[in-house]
Amino acid sequence: MTLQGASPGGIPELLHNLEAIGQLVKLPLSRERAFPRVVKERPRKYPKAQEKSQSVA
């Protein structure tokens, strides 16, 4: 970070102003979700084939 044109004695004031501006644009913390996100199961295009039962001979 360069401070061209700033005198050494004015740097702390410039940093204080920069910090004050940063507080204005700081986003609030996000709140917890009432219902957490879940991944839905994909619907199947075709029904599953049923397993054929094997007869015991």
Protein backbone atom coordinates (compact mmCIF):
# COMPACT_ATOMS: atom_id res chain seq x y z
CA MET A 1 0.00 0.00 0.00
CA THR A 2 1.49 3.34 -0.99
CA LEU A 3 0.43 6.66 0.41
CA GLN A 4 1.70 9.09 -2.19
CA GLY A 5 1.34 12.68 -1.12
CA ALA A 6 0.74 11.80 2.53
CA SER A 7 3.04 13.22 5.12
CA PRO A 8 4.41 10.74 7.68
CA GLY A 9 2.54 12.47 10.49
CA GLY A 10 -0.82 12.12 8.70
CA ILE A 11 -0.63 8.37 8.08
CA PRO A 12 -2.27 7.33 11.41
CA GLU A 13 -5.22 9.62 10.67
CA LEU A 14 -5.57 8.18 7.16
CA LEU A 15 -5.53 4.64 8.57
CA HIS A 16 -8.18 5.60 11.14
CA ASN A 17 -10.39 7.01 8.36
CA LEU A 18 -9.87 3.86 6.30
CA GLU A 19 -10.91 1.71 9.27
CA ALA A 20 -14.04 3.85 9.80
CA ILE A 21 -15.02 3.41 6.15
CA GLY A 22 -14.42 -0.34 6.48
CA GLN A 23 -16.88 -0.53 9.38
CA LEU A 24 -19.59 1.01 7.17
CA VAL A 25 -19.26 -1.60 4.43
CA LYS A 26 -18.84 -4.58 6.76
CA LEU A 27 -21.62 -7.13 6.25
CA PRO A 28 -23.58 -8.39 9.28
CA LEU A 29 -23.08 -11.99 10.39
CA SER A 30 -25.42 -14.43 8.71
CA ARG A 31 -28.15 -15.91 10.87
CA GLU A 32 -28.87 -19.62 11.23
CA ARG A 33 -31.37 -21.18 8.89
CA ALA A 34 -34.70 -22.29 10.30
CA PHE A 35 -34.63 -25.28 7.96
CA PRO A 36 -31.17 -26.46 6.89
CA ARG A 37 -30.48 -27.03 3.22
CA VAL A 38 -30.88 -30.56 1.94
CA VAL A 39 -30.07 -32.15 -1.40
CA LYS A 40 -33.16 -33.63 -2.98
CA GLU A 41 -32.96 -37.06 -4.58
CA ARG A 42 -33.10 -36.97 -8.37
CA PRO A 43 -36.29 -38.44 -9.80
CA ARG A 44 -35.69 -41.60 -11.81
CA LYS A 45 -36.61 -41.60 -15.49
CA TYR A 46 -37.55 -45.26 -15.50
CA PRO A 47 -38.86 -47.42 -12.66
CA LYS A 48 -36.44 -49.87 -11.09
CA ALA A 49 -36.76 -53.46 -12.27
CA GLN A 50 -37.97 -55.73 -9.50
CA GLU A 51 -35.72 -58.58 -8.50
CA LYS A 52 -36.89 -61.97 -9.67
CA SER A 53 -37.32 -64.45 -6.85
CA GLN A 54 -35.34 -67.64 -7.22
CA SER A 55 -37.26 -70.80 -6.52
CA VAL A 56 -35.55 -73.48 -4.49
CA ALA A 57 -35.78 -76.84 -6.24
